[in-house]
Amino acid sequence: MREPFRTVGPGAEGEAVRDLQHRLATLDFDTTPAEVGVYGESTAAAVRAFQAARGLRVDGVCGRQTWSSLVEAGYRLGDRLLYHRTPMLRGDDVLELQEKLNALGFDAGRGDGIFGPHTADALRDFQRNVAAVPDGICGPESNAALDRLSRFAGGSVASVREKEALRDGALRLAGRRVYLAVEPGLDALGDVVARGLVELGAEVLVDASGEDDSTVAAEANRYAADLFLGLRFGDIASACSCDYFASQRSASEAGRHVARCISE
């Protein structure tokens, strides 16, 4: 039977800590040799550096989301077969595949590192164009074709299409589904934002459960949200920021636009 996930933090010792340290070192986030198997200050510092680099909440504790990101960051394109399944495959290898497909003009959607139906359709389209079996499975043959053609590619068709939609004014709130996640303690602000969205014609679902980011994101996907907004307390007193989706090498043009509008 699969053991439940356990958060690992300062003071912990054992095999789980050694595994964490090995994964961090593989990604060039090193810890001191004296801390092997012990979650000391250098391990906490390495975790904080990794969290900052991946856009996660920086607390120096390896919780479920940090651990998932560590596992995903360890994959490189070609390490495993990629295909659409449930639960969907996630990882940096999926992100690399999406970026290569987008650069070649096969719209895999924004690079989020999640192998969903949009990525599968783009992969099948690519396979048909290189006379391969359009099975939606990214294996050695598809990887070889991607490597062969990627040297001639540049840009991202997904980004271009998002920018075109913004220019055409197609991204409006009227008739759109908005998932509003409100951190406990910000209920009054959440009510104001929700009313404003409804006045603009949006259909709004408010989530004030306080669940972790991965659970909330899954619920937003089940709701088939056109827009996700999250209200949370920041890490710096008397300051606020407006964040939007971005991976290491790509960003949501619509998210960037929404963040700028909110800030203004």
C-alpha atoms as a PDB file:
ATOM      1  CA  MET A   1       0.000   0.000   0.000  1.00  0.00           C
ATOM      2  CA  ARG A   2       1.317   3.446  -0.881  1.00  0.00           C
ATOM      3  CA  GLU A   3       2.493   5.453   2.156  1.00  0.00           C
ATOM      4  CA  PRO A   4       0.992   8.934   2.636  1.00  0.00           C
ATOM      5  CA  PHE A   5       3.220  11.893   1.813  1.00  0.00           C
ATOM      6  CA  ARG A   6       5.013  13.410   4.801  1.00  0.00           C
ATOM      7  CA  THR A   7       6.345  16.968   4.930  1.00  0.00           C
ATOM      8  CA  VAL A   8      10.103  17.104   5.598  1.00  0.00           C
ATOM      9  CA  GLY A   9      11.574  20.127   7.351  1.00  0.00           C
ATOM     10  CA  PRO A  10      14.400  21.385   9.579  1.00  0.00           C
ATOM     11  CA  GLY A  11      15.439  18.871  12.227  1.00  0.00           C
ATOM     12  CA  ALA A  12      14.338  15.809  10.223  1.00  0.00           C
ATOM     13  CA  GLU A  13      16.774  12.943   9.624  1.00  0.00           C
ATOM     14  CA  GLY A  14      16.900   9.754   7.596  1.00  0.00           C
ATOM     15  CA  GLU A  15      16.487   8.357   4.088  1.00  0.00           C
ATOM     16  CA  ALA A  16      13.823  10.891   3.050  1.00  0.00           C
ATOM     17  CA  VAL A  17      16.248  13.733   3.785  1.00  0.00           C
ATOM     18  CA  ARG A  18      19.066  11.992   1.863  1.00  0.00           C
ATOM     19  CA  ASP A  19      16.727  11.563  -1.129  1.00  0.00           C
ATOM     20  CA  LEU A  20      15.782  15.250  -0.938  1.00  0.00           C
ATOM     21  CA  GLN A  21      19.447  16.312  -0.760  1.00  0.00           C
ATOM     22  CA  HIS A  22      20.359  14.097  -3.730  1.00  0.00           C
ATOM     23  CA  ARG A  23      17.589  15.581  -5.873  1.00  0.00           C
ATOM     24  CA  LEU A  24      18.618  19.112  -4.906  1.00  0.00           C
ATOM     25  CA  ALA A  25      22.276  18.396  -5.742  1.00  0.00           C
ATOM     26  CA  THR A  26      21.292  16.966  -9.138  1.00  0.00           C
ATOM     27  CA  LEU A  27      19.701  20.338  -9.889  1.00  0.00           C
ATOM     28  CA  ASP A  28      22.804  22.225  -8.621  1.00  0.00           C
ATOM     29  CA  PHE A  29      21.283  23.200  -5.267  1.00  0.00           C
ATOM     30  CA  ASP A  30      24.024  21.766  -3.078  1.00  0.00           C
ATOM     31  CA  THR A  31      24.078  21.137   0.667  1.00  0.00           C
ATOM     32  CA  THR A  32      27.136  20.722   2.896  1.00  0.00           C
ATOM     33  CA  PRO A  33      28.551  17.148   3.188  1.00  0.00           C
ATOM     34  CA  ALA A  34      28.257  17.398   6.973  1.00  0.00           C
ATOM     35  CA  GLU A  35      24.460  17.452   6.633  1.00  0.00           C
ATOM     36  CA  VAL A  36      24.026  14.193   4.706  1.00  0.00           C
ATOM     37  CA  GLY A  37      20.788  12.681   5.990  1.00  0.00           C
ATOM     38  CA  VAL A  38      20.176  15.637   8.306  1.00  0.00           C
ATOM     39  CA  TYR A  39      17.861  18.562   7.471  1.00  0.00           C
ATOM     40  CA  GLY A  40      20.105  21.398   8.647  1.00  0.00           C
ATOM     41  CA  GLU A  41      20.533  25.039   7.657  1.00  0.00           C
ATOM     42  CA  SER A  42      22.283  24.388   4.320  1.00  0.00           C
ATOM     43  CA  THR A  43      19.488  21.985   3.303  1.00  0.00           C
ATOM     44  CA  ALA A  44      16.847  24.552   4.257  1.00  0.00           C
ATOM     45  CA  ALA A  45      18.778  27.203   2.287  1.00  0.00           C
ATOM     46  CA  ALA A  46      18.949  24.916  -0.771  1.00  0.00           C
ATOM     47  CA  VAL A  47      15.197  24.252  -0.533  1.00  0.00           C
ATOM     48  CA  ARG A  48      14.500  27.992  -0.291  1.00  0.00           C
ATOM     49  CA  ALA A  49      16.693  28.649  -3.355  1.00  0.00           C
ATOM     50  CA  PHE A  50      14.870  25.920  -5.303  1.00  0.00           C
ATOM     51  CA  GLN A  51      11.464  27.258  -4.250  1.00  0.00           C
ATOM     52  CA  ALA A  52      12.422  30.783  -5.347  1.00  0.00           C
ATOM     53  CA  ALA A  53      13.700  29.509  -8.711  1.00  0.00           C
ATOM     54  CA  ARG A  54      10.484  27.590  -9.364  1.00  0.00           C
ATOM     55  CA  GLY A  55       8.095  30.341  -8.243  1.00  0.00           C
ATOM     56  CA  LEU A  56       6.920  28.418  -5.163  1.00  0.00           C
ATOM     57  CA  ARG A  57       6.169  29.756  -1.708  1.00  0.00           C
ATOM     58  CA  VAL A  58       9.593  30.199  -0.067  1.00  0.00           C
ATOM     59  CA  ASP A  59       9.558  28.670   3.421  1.00  0.00           C
ATOM     60  CA  GLY A  60      12.510  26.247   3.437  1.00  0.00           C
ATOM     61  CA  VAL A  61      10.201  23.280   4.094  1.00  0.00           C
ATOM     62  CA  CYS A  62       9.738  20.423   1.629  1.00  0.00           C
ATOM     63  CA  GLY A  63       5.968  20.081   1.485  1.00  0.00           C
ATOM     64  CA  ARG A  64       3.881  18.282  -1.110  1.00  0.00           C
ATOM     65  CA  GLN A  65       4.127  21.022  -3.756  1.00  0.00           C
ATOM     66  CA  THR A  66       7.901  21.475  -3.356  1.00  0.00           C
ATOM     67  CA  TRP A  67       8.451  17.716  -3.519  1.00  0.00           C
ATOM     68  CA  SER A  68       6.305  17.402  -6.653  1.00  0.00           C
ATOM     69  CA  SER A  69       8.265  20.218  -8.302  1.00  0.00           C
ATOM     70  CA  LEU A  70      11.556  18.525  -7.379  1.00  0.00           C
ATOM     71  CA  VAL A  71      10.439  15.274  -8.996  1.00  0.00           C
ATOM     72  CA  GLU A  72       9.179  17.093 -12.104  1.00  0.00           C
ATOM     73  CA  ALA A  73      12.404  19.092 -12.419  1.00  0.00           C
ATOM     74  CA  GLY A  74      14.425  15.882 -12.596  1.00  0.00           C
ATOM     75  CA  TYR A  75      12.972  14.752 -15.932  1.00  0.00           C
ATOM     76  CA  ARG A  76      14.639  15.501 -19.291  1.00  0.00           C
ATOM     77  CA  LEU A  77      13.005  14.941 -22.667  1.00  0.00           C
ATOM     78  CA  GLY A  78      13.740  11.349 -23.654  1.00  0.00           C
ATOM     79  CA  ASP A  79      13.894   9.988 -20.095  1.00  0.00           C
ATOM     80  CA  ARG A  80      10.448   8.380 -20.432  1.00  0.00           C
ATOM     81  CA  LEU A  81       7.550   7.952 -22.831  1.00  0.00           C
ATOM     82  CA  LEU A  82       5.185  10.935 -22.788  1.00  0.00           C
ATOM     83  CA  TYR A  83       1.483  10.545 -23.571  1.00  0.00           C
ATOM     84  CA  HIS A  84      -1.933  11.729 -22.413  1.00  0.00           C
ATOM     85  CA  ARG A  85      -3.260   9.838 -19.410  1.00  0.00           C
ATOM     86  CA  THR A  86      -5.090  10.373 -16.109  1.00  0.00           C
ATOM     87  CA  PRO A  87      -3.562  11.686 -13.894  1.00  0.00           C
ATOM     88  CA  MET A  88      -1.684  13.736 -16.462  1.00  0.00           C
ATOM     89  CA  LEU A  89       2.089  13.455 -16.736  1.00  0.00           C
ATOM     90  CA  ARG A  90       3.981  16.475 -15.417  1.00  0.00           C
ATOM     91  CA  GLY A  91       7.617  17.503 -15.612  1.00  0.00           C
ATOM     92  CA  ASP A  92      10.327  19.552 -17.233  1.00  0.00           C
ATOM     93  CA  ASP A  93      10.467  17.001 -20.075  1.00  0.00           C
ATOM     94  CA  VAL A  94       6.822  17.818 -20.895  1.00  0.00           C
ATOM     95  CA  LEU A  95       7.684  21.527 -20.783  1.00  0.00           C
ATOM     96  CA  GLU A  96      10.575  20.966 -23.212  1.00  0.00           C
ATOM     97  CA  LEU A  97       8.263  19.042 -25.549  1.00  0.00           C
ATOM     98  CA  GLN A  98       5.657  21.833 -25.462  1.00  0.00           C
ATOM     99  CA  GLU A  99       8.288  24.468 -26.214  1.00  0.00           C
ATOM    100  CA  LYS A 100       9.680  22.527 -29.175  1.00  0.00           C
ATOM    101  CA  LEU A 101       6.205  21.915 -30.618  1.00  0.00           C
ATOM    102  CA  ASN A 102       5.225  25.574 -30.172  1.00  0.00           C
ATOM    103  CA  ALA A 103       8.471  26.764 -31.769  1.00  0.00           C
ATOM    104  CA  LEU A 104       7.767  24.562 -34.802  1.00  0.00           C
ATOM    105  CA  GLY A 105       4.234  25.969 -35.198  1.00  0.00           C
ATOM    106  CA  PHE A 106       2.291  23.113 -33.573  1.00  0.00           C
ATOM    107  CA  ASP A 107       0.162  24.769 -30.879  1.00  0.00           C
ATOM    108  CA  ALA A 108       0.649  22.817 -27.636  1.00  0.00           C
ATOM    109  CA  GLY A 109      -0.765  25.682 -25.560  1.00  0.00           C
ATOM    110  CA  ARG A 110       1.248  27.572 -22.990  1.00  0.00           C
ATOM    111  CA  GLY A 111       4.247  25.768 -21.579  1.00  0.00           C
ATOM    112  CA  ASP A 112       2.995  24.529 -18.214  1.00  0.00           C
ATOM    113  CA  GLY A 113       4.797  21.175 -18.062  1.00  0.00           C
ATOM    114  CA  ILE A 114       1.486  19.240 -18.013  1.00  0.00           C
ATOM    115  CA  PHE A 115       0.757  16.724 -20.787  1.00  0.00           C
ATOM    116  CA  GLY A 116      -2.907  17.468 -21.448  1.00  0.00           C
ATOM    117  CA  PRO A 117      -5.156  16.954 -24.494  1.00  0.00           C
ATOM    118  CA  HIS A 118      -3.896  20.148 -26.170  1.00  0.00           C
ATOM    119  CA  THR A 119      -0.307  18.882 -26.061  1.00  0.00           C
ATOM    120  CA  ALA A 120      -1.407  15.443 -27.300  1.00  0.00           C
ATOM    121  CA  ASP A 121      -3.213  17.006 -30.301  1.00  0.00           C
ATOM    122  CA  ALA A 122      -0.155  19.112 -31.167  1.00  0.00           C
ATOM    123  CA  LEU A 123       2.104  16.056 -30.934  1.00  0.00           C
ATOM    124  CA  ARG A 124      -0.164  14.008 -33.236  1.00  0.00           C
ATOM    125  CA  ASP A 125      -0.240  16.889 -35.719  1.00  0.00           C
ATOM    126  CA  PHE A 126       3.572  17.025 -35.643  1.00  0.00           C
ATOM    127  CA  GLN A 127       3.825  13.250 -36.108  1.00  0.00           C
ATOM    128  CA  ARG A 128       1.561  13.383 -39.178  1.00  0.00           C
ATOM    129  CA  ASN A 129       3.746  16.118 -40.665  1.00  0.00           C
ATOM    130  CA  VAL A 130       6.939  14.057 -40.286  1.00  0.00           C
ATOM    131  CA  ALA A 131       5.277  10.883 -41.638  1.00  0.00           C
ATOM    132  CA  ALA A 132       5.356   9.148 -38.244  1.00  0.00           C
ATOM    133  CA  VAL A 133       2.554   7.117 -36.665  1.00  0.00           C
ATOM    134  CA  PRO A 134       0.216   9.766 -35.133  1.00  0.00           C
ATOM    135  CA  ASP A 135      -0.237   7.904 -31.844  1.00  0.00           C
ATOM    136  CA  GLY A 136       0.289  10.889 -29.529  1.00  0.00           C
ATOM    137  CA  ILE A 137       3.179   9.118 -27.780  1.00  0.00           C
ATOM    138  CA  CYS A 138       6.475  10.965 -27.556  1.00  0.00           C
ATOM    139  CA  GLY A 139       9.161   8.281 -27.764  1.00  0.00           C
ATOM    140  CA  PRO A 140      12.584   7.907 -29.426  1.00  0.00           C
ATOM    141  CA  GLU A 141      11.287   8.430 -32.991  1.00  0.00           C
ATOM    142  CA  SER A 142       9.383  11.630 -32.166  1.00  0.00           C
ATOM    143  CA  ASN A 143      12.274  12.945 -30.064  1.00  0.00           C
ATOM    144  CA  ALA A 144      14.712  12.374 -32.921  1.00  0.00           C
ATOM    145  CA  ALA A 145      12.429  14.251 -35.338  1.00  0.00           C
ATOM    146  CA  LEU A 146      12.019  17.112 -32.850  1.00  0.00           C
ATOM    147  CA  ASP A 147      15.791  17.381 -32.382  1.00  0.00           C
ATOM    148  CA  ARG A 148      16.346  17.321 -36.137  1.00  0.00           C
ATOM    149  CA  LEU A 149      13.884  20.135 -36.854  1.00  0.00           C
ATOM    150  CA  SER A 150      14.239  22.288 -33.724  1.00  0.00           C
ATOM    151  CA  ARG A 151      17.496  23.876 -34.946  1.00  0.00           C
ATOM    152  CA  PHE A 152      15.424  25.710 -37.577  1.00  0.00           C
ATOM    153  CA  ALA A 153      12.691  26.865 -35.170  1.00  0.00           C
ATOM    154  CA  GLY A 154      12.139  29.903 -32.979  1.00  0.00           C
ATOM    155  CA  GLY A 155       9.421  31.718 -31.031  1.00  0.00           C
ATOM    156  CA  SER A 156       6.148  30.180 -29.841  1.00  0.00           C
ATOM    157  CA  VAL A 157       2.925  29.816 -31.805  1.00  0.00           C
ATOM    158  CA  ALA A 158       0.966  29.580 -28.526  1.00  0.00           C
ATOM    159  CA  SER A 159       2.315  32.943 -27.391  1.00  0.00           C
ATOM    160  CA  VAL A 160       1.570  34.521 -30.773  1.00  0.00           C
ATOM    161  CA  ARG A 161      -2.044  33.288 -30.721  1.00  0.00           C
ATOM    162  CA  GLU A 162      -2.560  34.571 -27.182  1.00  0.00           C
ATOM    163  CA  LYS A 163      -1.240  37.976 -28.197  1.00  0.00           C
ATOM    164  CA  GLU A 164      -3.548  38.013 -31.247  1.00  0.00           C
ATOM    165  CA  ALA A 165      -6.542  37.195 -29.025  1.00  0.00           C
ATOM    166  CA  LEU A 166      -5.614  40.131 -26.781  1.00  0.00           C
ATOM    167  CA  ARG A 167      -5.332  42.497 -29.743  1.00  0.00           C
ATOM    168  CA  ASP A 168      -8.709  41.333 -31.071  1.00  0.00           C
ATOM    169  CA  GLY A 169     -10.320  42.002 -27.705  1.00  0.00           C
ATOM    170  CA  ALA A 170     -11.521  38.380 -27.503  1.00  0.00           C
ATOM    171  CA  LEU A 171     -10.431  37.966 -23.878  1.00  0.00           C
ATOM    172  CA  ARG A 172     -13.275  39.618 -21.987  1.00  0.00           C
ATOM    173  CA  LEU A 173     -14.905  38.625 -18.712  1.00  0.00           C
ATOM    174  CA  ALA A 174     -18.531  38.674 -19.847  1.00  0.00           C
ATOM    175  CA  GLY A 175     -19.775  35.100 -20.013  1.00  0.00           C
ATOM    176  CA  ARG A 176     -16.474  33.708 -18.694  1.00  0.00           C
ATOM    177  CA  ARG A 177     -16.018  31.339 -15.758  1.00  0.00           C
ATOM    178  CA  VAL A 178     -13.760  32.707 -13.020  1.00  0.00           C
ATOM    179  CA  TYR A 179     -12.427  30.612 -10.143  1.00  0.00           C
ATOM    180  CA  LEU A 180     -11.620  32.857  -7.180  1.00  0.00           C
ATOM    181  CA  ALA A 181      -9.477  31.289  -4.440  1.00  0.00           C
ATOM    182  CA  VAL A 182      -9.508  33.345  -1.233  1.00  0.00           C
ATOM    183  CA  GLU A 183      -7.085  32.649   1.602  1.00  0.00           C
ATOM    184  CA  PRO A 184      -8.745  32.534   5.048  1.00  0.00           C
ATOM    185  CA  GLY A 185      -8.674  36.013   6.582  1.00  0.00           C
ATOM    186  CA  LEU A 186      -9.249  37.793   3.262  1.00  0.00           C
ATOM    187  CA  ASP A 187     -12.981  37.038   3.054  1.00  0.00           C
ATOM    188  CA  ALA A 188     -14.057  40.708   2.949  1.00  0.00           C
ATOM    189  CA  LEU A 189     -11.693  41.434   0.057  1.00  0.00           C
ATOM    190  CA  GLY A 190     -12.872  38.262  -1.671  1.00  0.00           C
ATOM    191  CA  ASP A 191     -16.506  39.413  -1.449  1.00  0.00           C
ATOM    192  CA  VAL A 192     -15.632  42.774  -3.035  1.00  0.00           C
ATOM    193  CA  VAL A 193     -13.683  41.141  -5.885  1.00  0.00           C
ATOM    194  CA  ALA A 194     -16.401  38.551  -6.512  1.00  0.00           C
ATOM    195  CA  ARG A 195     -19.116  41.241  -6.725  1.00  0.00           C
ATOM    196  CA  GLY A 196     -16.996  43.260  -9.137  1.00  0.00           C
ATOM    197  CA  LEU A 197     -16.466  40.247 -11.379  1.00  0.00           C
ATOM    198  CA  VAL A 198     -20.187  39.446 -11.399  1.00  0.00           C
ATOM    199  CA  GLU A 199     -20.946  43.064 -12.352  1.00  0.00           C
ATOM    200  CA  LEU A 200     -18.633  42.586 -15.350  1.00  0.00           C
ATOM    201  CA  GLY A 201     -20.725  39.599 -16.455  1.00  0.00           C
ATOM    202  CA  ALA A 202     -18.511  36.786 -15.194  1.00  0.00           C
ATOM    203  CA  GLU A 203     -19.702  33.543 -13.629  1.00  0.00           C
ATOM    204  CA  VAL A 204     -17.750  33.296 -10.354  1.00  0.00           C
ATOM    205  CA  LEU A 205     -17.023  30.337  -8.084  1.00  0.00           C
ATOM    206  CA  VAL A 206     -15.428  31.365  -4.758  1.00  0.00           C
ATOM    207  CA  ASP A 207     -13.175  28.885  -2.948  1.00  0.00           C
ATOM    208  CA  ALA A 208     -12.351  29.906   0.631  1.00  0.00           C
ATOM    209  CA  SER A 209     -11.227  26.419   1.710  1.00  0.00           C
ATOM    210  CA  GLY A 210      -7.582  27.361   2.290  1.00  0.00           C
ATOM    211  CA  GLU A 211      -6.403  24.134   0.594  1.00  0.00           C
ATOM    212  CA  ASP A 212      -2.878  23.925  -0.861  1.00  0.00           C
ATOM    213  CA  ASP A 213      -2.150  25.253  -4.360  1.00  0.00           C
ATOM    214  CA  SER A 214      -2.196  21.892  -6.155  1.00  0.00           C
ATOM    215  CA  THR A 215      -5.640  20.993  -4.729  1.00  0.00           C
ATOM    216  CA  VAL A 216      -7.083  24.407  -5.595  1.00  0.00           C
ATOM    217  CA  ALA A 217      -5.638  24.214  -9.131  1.00  0.00           C
ATOM    218  CA  ALA A 218      -7.241  20.796  -9.631  1.00  0.00           C
ATOM    219  CA  GLU A 219     -10.623  22.163  -8.509  1.00  0.00           C
ATOM    220  CA  ALA A 220     -10.276  25.132 -10.886  1.00  0.00           C
ATOM    221  CA  ASN A 221      -9.586  22.719 -13.749  1.00  0.00           C
ATOM    222  CA  ARG A 222     -12.644  20.655 -12.829  1.00  0.00           C
ATOM    223  CA  TYR A 223     -14.686  23.858 -12.902  1.00  0.00           C
ATOM    224  CA  ALA A 224     -13.280  24.477 -16.431  1.00  0.00           C
ATOM    225  CA  ALA A 225     -12.316  28.009 -15.410  1.00  0.00           C
ATOM    226  CA  ASP A 226     -11.374  30.533 -18.090  1.00  0.00           C
ATOM    227  CA  LEU A 227      -9.560  32.598 -15.471  1.00  0.00           C
ATOM    228  CA  PHE A 228      -8.075  31.730 -12.074  1.00  0.00           C
ATOM    229  CA  LEU A 229      -7.593  34.464  -9.472  1.00  0.00           C
ATOM    230  CA  GLY A 230      -5.994  33.845  -6.081  1.00  0.00           C
ATOM    231  CA  LEU A 231      -6.011  36.261  -3.141  1.00  0.00           C
ATOM    232  CA  ARG A 232      -3.420  35.511  -0.473  1.00  0.00           C
ATOM    233  CA  PHE A 233      -1.292  37.149   2.186  1.00  0.00           C
ATOM    234  CA  GLY A 234       2.162  38.117   0.946  1.00  0.00           C
ATOM    235  CA  ASP A 235       5.542  37.515   2.511  1.00  0.00           C
ATOM    236  CA  ILE A 236       6.415  41.223   2.917  1.00  0.00           C
ATOM    237  CA  ALA A 237       4.503  43.517   5.264  1.00  0.00           C
ATOM    238  CA  SER A 238       2.837  46.604   3.740  1.00  0.00           C
ATOM    239  CA  ALA A 239       3.525  45.465   0.178  1.00  0.00           C
ATOM    240  CA  CYS A 240       1.511  43.681  -2.478  1.00  0.00           C
ATOM    241  CA  SER A 241       2.256  42.045  -5.794  1.00  0.00           C
ATOM    242  CA  CYS A 242       0.222  40.688  -8.682  1.00  0.00           C
ATOM    243  CA  ASP A 243       1.620  37.425 -10.041  1.00  0.00           C
ATOM    244  CA  TYR A 244       0.701  35.434 -13.149  1.00  0.00           C
ATOM    245  CA  PHE A 245       1.548  32.046 -14.627  1.00  0.00           C
ATOM    246  CA  ALA A 246       5.075  31.607 -15.958  1.00  0.00           C
ATOM    247  CA  SER A 247       7.485  28.717 -16.280  1.00  0.00           C
ATOM    248  CA  GLN A 248      11.243  29.043 -16.533  1.00  0.00           C
ATOM    249  CA  ARG A 249      11.105  29.796 -20.240  1.00  0.00           C
ATOM    250  CA  SER A 250       7.587  30.929 -21.090  1.00  0.00           C
ATOM    251  CA  ALA A 251       4.717  32.960 -19.671  1.00  0.00           C
ATOM    252  CA  SER A 252       0.993  33.414 -20.145  1.00  0.00           C
ATOM    253  CA  GLU A 253       0.414  36.534 -22.246  1.00  0.00           C
ATOM    254  CA  ALA A 254      -3.185  36.727 -21.023  1.00  0.00           C
ATOM    255  CA  GLY A 255      -2.027  36.292 -17.425  1.00  0.00           C
ATOM    256  CA  ARG A 256       0.547  39.053 -17.853  1.00  0.00           C
ATOM    257  CA  HIS A 257      -2.177  41.327 -19.280  1.00  0.00           C
ATOM    258  CA  VAL A 258      -4.609  40.583 -16.416  1.00  0.00           C
ATOM    259  CA  ALA A 259      -1.866  41.166 -13.812  1.00  0.00           C
ATOM    260  CA  ARG A 260      -0.998  44.525 -15.386  1.00  0.00           C
ATOM    261  CA  CYS A 261      -4.661  45.589 -15.464  1.00  0.00           C
ATOM    262  CA  ILE A 262      -5.155  44.630 -11.802  1.00  0.00           C
ATOM    263  CA  SER A 263      -1.986  46.491 -10.779  1.00  0.00           C
ATOM    264  CA  GLU A 264      -3.048  49.613 -12.676  1.00  0.00           C
END
